[in-house]
């Protein structure tokens, strides 16, 4: 029976490259001269430290631009709230989202069921498997999901016929 998996994964090496490029640009830009701004990649999160709110927003924009340029969706980052740091600086943490959460999985399955296509969708750990008798139905499901906004970047893998 034909099937495919809906997943949400990111290439951590590409995120590392984007962070390094952002670091380099921050070091070279004139509007950041004389202020302390840093961006650090740790395990599954990015920590941004900036001199003030304006600079923090600028650093986030630079990082998002570098991610897009490296074909990584900025939606893979879940930004936390801004926190005060020492000497009037501002800190923000962005968690790297890997996989589909249970809530998002339920939302995806509900959308597929509401479409009335003759397919079955089931949540398997951090992915959703969609099976059906016809490949055309599966392709319609992919188009349906591409049109929907689930707040995360989705990839469609393991198409089997």
C-alpha atoms as a PDB file:
ATOM      1  CA  UNK A   1       0.000   0.000   0.000  1.00  0.00           C
ATOM      2  CA  UNK A   2       1.478   3.416  -0.965  1.00  0.00           C
ATOM      3  CA  UNK A   3       2.557   5.687   1.884  1.00  0.00           C
ATOM      4  CA  UNK A   4       4.739   8.622   2.842  1.00  0.00           C
ATOM      5  CA  UNK A   5       5.887  10.312   6.041  1.00  0.00           C
ATOM      6  CA  UNK A   6       5.388  13.920   7.058  1.00  0.00           C
ATOM      7  CA  UNK A   7       8.373  15.081   9.123  1.00  0.00           C
ATOM      8  CA  UNK A   8       9.881  18.308  10.398  1.00  0.00           C
ATOM      9  CA  UNK A   9      13.659  18.113  10.480  1.00  0.00           C
ATOM     10  CA  UNK A  10      16.456  20.633  10.174  1.00  0.00           C
ATOM     11  CA  UNK A  11      20.077  20.206   9.156  1.00  0.00           C
ATOM     12  CA  UNK A  12      22.055  21.200  12.256  1.00  0.00           C
ATOM     13  CA  UNK A  13      25.204  21.701  10.175  1.00  0.00           C
ATOM     14  CA  UNK A  14      23.415  24.323   8.074  1.00  0.00           C
ATOM     15  CA  UNK A  15      22.227  26.057  11.257  1.00  0.00           C
ATOM     16  CA  UNK A  16      25.824  26.055  12.533  1.00  0.00           C
ATOM     17  CA  UNK A  17      26.992  27.573   9.241  1.00  0.00           C
ATOM     18  CA  UNK A  18      24.272  30.251   9.400  1.00  0.00           C
ATOM     19  CA  UNK A  19      25.221  31.136  13.001  1.00  0.00           C
ATOM     20  CA  UNK A  20      28.898  31.449  12.012  1.00  0.00           C
ATOM     21  CA  UNK A  21      28.013  33.671   9.043  1.00  0.00           C
ATOM     22  CA  UNK A  22      25.785  35.830  11.265  1.00  0.00           C
ATOM     23  CA  UNK A  23      28.611  36.118  13.814  1.00  0.00           C
ATOM     24  CA  UNK A  24      30.976  37.267  11.070  1.00  0.00           C
ATOM     25  CA  UNK A  25      28.517  39.871   9.760  1.00  0.00           C
ATOM     26  CA  UNK A  26      27.837  41.196  13.271  1.00  0.00           C
ATOM     27  CA  UNK A  27      31.592  41.636  13.761  1.00  0.00           C
ATOM     28  CA  UNK A  28      31.913  43.605  10.523  1.00  0.00           C
ATOM     29  CA  UNK A  29      28.843  45.865  10.631  1.00  0.00           C
ATOM     30  CA  UNK A  30      29.356  49.490  11.558  1.00  0.00           C
ATOM     31  CA  UNK A  31      26.187  49.792  13.667  1.00  0.00           C
ATOM     32  CA  UNK A  32      27.483  47.039  15.988  1.00  0.00           C
ATOM     33  CA  UNK A  33      30.949  48.590  16.557  1.00  0.00           C
ATOM     34  CA  UNK A  34      31.776  49.298  20.185  1.00  0.00           C
ATOM     35  CA  UNK A  35      28.903  47.210  21.593  1.00  0.00           C
ATOM     36  CA  UNK A  36      28.888  43.687  22.974  1.00  0.00           C
ATOM     37  CA  UNK A  37      26.774  41.374  20.818  1.00  0.00           C
ATOM     38  CA  UNK A  38      27.124  37.633  20.579  1.00  0.00           C
ATOM     39  CA  UNK A  39      25.317  34.650  19.178  1.00  0.00           C
ATOM     40  CA  UNK A  40      25.999  31.135  20.480  1.00  0.00           C
ATOM     41  CA  UNK A  41      24.827  27.739  19.250  1.00  0.00           C
ATOM     42  CA  UNK A  42      24.398  25.165  22.016  1.00  0.00           C
ATOM     43  CA  UNK A  43      23.008  21.639  21.608  1.00  0.00           C
ATOM     44  CA  UNK A  44      19.416  22.351  20.538  1.00  0.00           C
ATOM     45  CA  UNK A  45      19.228  26.132  21.054  1.00  0.00           C
ATOM     46  CA  UNK A  46      20.713  29.447  19.975  1.00  0.00           C
ATOM     47  CA  UNK A  47      21.386  32.147  22.567  1.00  0.00           C
ATOM     48  CA  UNK A  48      21.574  35.749  21.400  1.00  0.00           C
ATOM     49  CA  UNK A  49      23.046  38.466  23.628  1.00  0.00           C
ATOM     50  CA  UNK A  50      22.792  42.078  22.457  1.00  0.00           C
ATOM     51  CA  UNK A  51      23.464  45.529  23.888  1.00  0.00           C
ATOM     52  CA  UNK A  52      19.808  46.640  23.615  1.00  0.00           C
ATOM     53  CA  UNK A  53      16.415  45.703  22.107  1.00  0.00           C
ATOM     54  CA  UNK A  54      17.185  47.356  18.769  1.00  0.00           C
ATOM     55  CA  UNK A  55      20.432  45.436  18.360  1.00  0.00           C
ATOM     56  CA  UNK A  56      18.753  42.187  19.449  1.00  0.00           C
ATOM     57  CA  UNK A  57      16.115  42.606  16.739  1.00  0.00           C
ATOM     58  CA  UNK A  58      18.853  43.360  14.202  1.00  0.00           C
ATOM     59  CA  UNK A  59      20.819  40.238  15.208  1.00  0.00           C
ATOM     60  CA  UNK A  60      17.661  38.093  14.917  1.00  0.00           C
ATOM     61  CA  UNK A  61      17.009  39.538  11.437  1.00  0.00           C
ATOM     62  CA  UNK A  62      20.586  38.798  10.381  1.00  0.00           C
ATOM     63  CA  UNK A  63      20.301  35.222  11.672  1.00  0.00           C
ATOM     64  CA  UNK A  64      16.981  34.655   9.885  1.00  0.00           C
ATOM     65  CA  UNK A  65      18.457  36.023   6.655  1.00  0.00           C
ATOM     66  CA  UNK A  66      21.438  33.672   6.903  1.00  0.00           C
ATOM     67  CA  UNK A  67      19.122  30.701   7.577  1.00  0.00           C
ATOM     68  CA  UNK A  68      16.989  31.503   4.520  1.00  0.00           C
ATOM     69  CA  UNK A  69      20.094  31.859   2.368  1.00  0.00           C
ATOM     70  CA  UNK A  70      21.155  28.357   3.471  1.00  0.00           C
ATOM     71  CA  UNK A  71      17.697  26.890   2.662  1.00  0.00           C
ATOM     72  CA  UNK A  72      16.703  26.452   6.315  1.00  0.00           C
ATOM     73  CA  UNK A  73      13.306  27.791   7.303  1.00  0.00           C
ATOM     74  CA  UNK A  74      13.386  30.326  10.167  1.00  0.00           C
ATOM     75  CA  UNK A  75      10.239  28.567  11.437  1.00  0.00           C
ATOM     76  CA  UNK A  76      12.524  25.892  12.884  1.00  0.00           C
ATOM     77  CA  UNK A  77      13.423  28.378  15.630  1.00  0.00           C
ATOM     78  CA  UNK A  78      11.103  28.858  18.588  1.00  0.00           C
ATOM     79  CA  UNK A  79      12.053  32.219  20.099  1.00  0.00           C
ATOM     80  CA  UNK A  80      11.597  32.625  23.834  1.00  0.00           C
ATOM     81  CA  UNK A  81      10.911  35.897  25.585  1.00  0.00           C
ATOM     82  CA  UNK A  82      13.514  38.621  25.899  1.00  0.00           C
ATOM     83  CA  UNK A  83      15.354  38.683  29.238  1.00  0.00           C
ATOM     84  CA  UNK A  84      17.463  41.370  30.861  1.00  0.00           C
ATOM     85  CA  UNK A  85      21.158  40.590  31.222  1.00  0.00           C
ATOM     86  CA  UNK A  86      23.982  42.412  32.986  1.00  0.00           C
ATOM     87  CA  UNK A  87      24.955  45.994  32.055  1.00  0.00           C
ATOM     88  CA  UNK A  88      21.587  46.706  30.380  1.00  0.00           C
ATOM     89  CA  UNK A  89      22.072  43.991  27.757  1.00  0.00           C
ATOM     90  CA  UNK A  90      19.225  41.823  26.458  1.00  0.00           C
ATOM     91  CA  UNK A  91      19.264  38.052  26.000  1.00  0.00           C
ATOM     92  CA  UNK A  92      16.951  35.834  23.969  1.00  0.00           C
ATOM     93  CA  UNK A  93      16.975  32.093  23.519  1.00  0.00           C
ATOM     94  CA  UNK A  94      15.714  30.314  20.407  1.00  0.00           C
ATOM     95  CA  UNK A  95      15.080  26.576  20.653  1.00  0.00           C
ATOM     96  CA  UNK A  96      15.677  24.520  17.509  1.00  0.00           C
ATOM     97  CA  UNK A  97      12.479  22.593  16.780  1.00  0.00           C
ATOM     98  CA  UNK A  98      13.051  19.036  15.567  1.00  0.00           C
ATOM     99  CA  UNK A  99      10.158  16.710  14.844  1.00  0.00           C
ATOM    100  CA  UNK A 100       6.399  17.185  14.991  1.00  0.00           C
ATOM    101  CA  UNK A 101       4.877  17.631  18.446  1.00  0.00           C
ATOM    102  CA  UNK A 102       1.789  15.622  19.453  1.00  0.00           C
ATOM    103  CA  UNK A 103      -0.432  18.724  19.176  1.00  0.00           C
ATOM    104  CA  UNK A 104       0.843  19.577  15.685  1.00  0.00           C
ATOM    105  CA  UNK A 105       0.511  15.910  14.686  1.00  0.00           C
ATOM    106  CA  UNK A 106      -3.133  15.879  15.792  1.00  0.00           C
ATOM    107  CA  UNK A 107      -3.749  19.097  13.862  1.00  0.00           C
ATOM    108  CA  UNK A 108      -2.207  17.585  10.702  1.00  0.00           C
ATOM    109  CA  UNK A 109      -4.223  14.364  11.035  1.00  0.00           C
ATOM    110  CA  UNK A 110      -7.424  16.363  11.616  1.00  0.00           C
ATOM    111  CA  UNK A 111      -6.771  18.442   8.477  1.00  0.00           C
ATOM    112  CA  UNK A 112      -6.211  15.272   6.429  1.00  0.00           C
ATOM    113  CA  UNK A 113      -9.405  13.641   7.755  1.00  0.00           C
ATOM    114  CA  UNK A 114     -11.471  16.762   7.074  1.00  0.00           C
ATOM    115  CA  UNK A 115     -10.342  16.693   3.424  1.00  0.00           C
ATOM    116  CA  UNK A 116     -12.455  13.519   2.884  1.00  0.00           C
ATOM    117  CA  UNK A 117      -9.645  11.935   0.808  1.00  0.00           C
ATOM    118  CA  UNK A 118      -9.448   8.150   0.975  1.00  0.00           C
ATOM    119  CA  UNK A 119      -6.263   8.021   3.042  1.00  0.00           C
ATOM    120  CA  UNK A 120      -5.347   7.130   6.606  1.00  0.00           C
ATOM    121  CA  UNK A 121      -3.040   9.248   8.738  1.00  0.00           C
ATOM    122  CA  UNK A 122      -1.426   8.133  11.967  1.00  0.00           C
ATOM    123  CA  UNK A 123       1.000   9.753  14.378  1.00  0.00           C
ATOM    124  CA  UNK A 124       4.245   7.826  14.843  1.00  0.00           C
ATOM    125  CA  UNK A 125       6.557   9.418  17.462  1.00  0.00           C
ATOM    126  CA  UNK A 126       7.607  12.747  15.893  1.00  0.00           C
ATOM    127  CA  UNK A 127       6.213  12.155  12.397  1.00  0.00           C
ATOM    128  CA  UNK A 128       2.896  11.441  10.666  1.00  0.00           C
ATOM    129  CA  UNK A 129       2.512   8.492   8.283  1.00  0.00           C
ATOM    130  CA  UNK A 130      -0.094   8.789   5.543  1.00  0.00           C
ATOM    131  CA  UNK A 131      -1.240   5.680   3.649  1.00  0.00           C
ATOM    132  CA  UNK A 132      -3.742   5.249   0.847  1.00  0.00           C
ATOM    133  CA  UNK A 133      -4.634   2.998  -2.085  1.00  0.00           C
ATOM    134  CA  UNK A 134      -3.812   5.563  -4.769  1.00  0.00           C
ATOM    135  CA  UNK A 135      -0.654   7.615  -5.173  1.00  0.00           C
ATOM    136  CA  UNK A 136      -2.798  10.445  -6.591  1.00  0.00           C
ATOM    137  CA  UNK A 137      -4.601  10.711  -3.244  1.00  0.00           C
ATOM    138  CA  UNK A 138      -1.261  10.908  -1.434  1.00  0.00           C
ATOM    139  CA  UNK A 139      -0.100  13.664  -3.769  1.00  0.00           C
ATOM    140  CA  UNK A 140      -3.322  15.576  -3.060  1.00  0.00           C
ATOM    141  CA  UNK A 141      -2.595  15.261   0.676  1.00  0.00           C
ATOM    142  CA  UNK A 142       0.896  16.716   0.122  1.00  0.00           C
ATOM    143  CA  UNK A 143      -0.612  19.676  -1.778  1.00  0.00           C
ATOM    144  CA  UNK A 144      -3.212  20.122   0.976  1.00  0.00           C
ATOM    145  CA  UNK A 145      -0.532  20.198   3.679  1.00  0.00           C
ATOM    146  CA  UNK A 146       1.668  22.562   1.662  1.00  0.00           C
ATOM    147  CA  UNK A 147      -1.273  24.956   1.492  1.00  0.00           C
ATOM    148  CA  UNK A 148      -1.923  24.796   5.239  1.00  0.00           C
ATOM    149  CA  UNK A 149      -0.057  26.736   7.910  1.00  0.00           C
ATOM    150  CA  UNK A 150       0.913  24.594  10.885  1.00  0.00           C
ATOM    151  CA  UNK A 151       3.586  26.911  12.288  1.00  0.00           C
ATOM    152  CA  UNK A 152       6.396  24.492  11.447  1.00  0.00           C
ATOM    153  CA  UNK A 153       8.252  23.564   8.293  1.00  0.00           C
ATOM    154  CA  UNK A 154       7.103  20.197   6.905  1.00  0.00           C
ATOM    155  CA  UNK A 155       8.998  17.769   4.660  1.00  0.00           C
ATOM    156  CA  UNK A 156       7.530  14.778   2.855  1.00  0.00           C
ATOM    157  CA  UNK A 157       9.788  11.717   2.803  1.00  0.00           C
ATOM    158  CA  UNK A 158       9.769   7.953   2.269  1.00  0.00           C
ATOM    159  CA  UNK A 159       7.227   7.922  -0.581  1.00  0.00           C
ATOM    160  CA  UNK A 160       6.571   4.227  -1.192  1.00  0.00           C
ATOM    161  CA  UNK A 161       4.347   2.688  -3.798  1.00  0.00           C
END
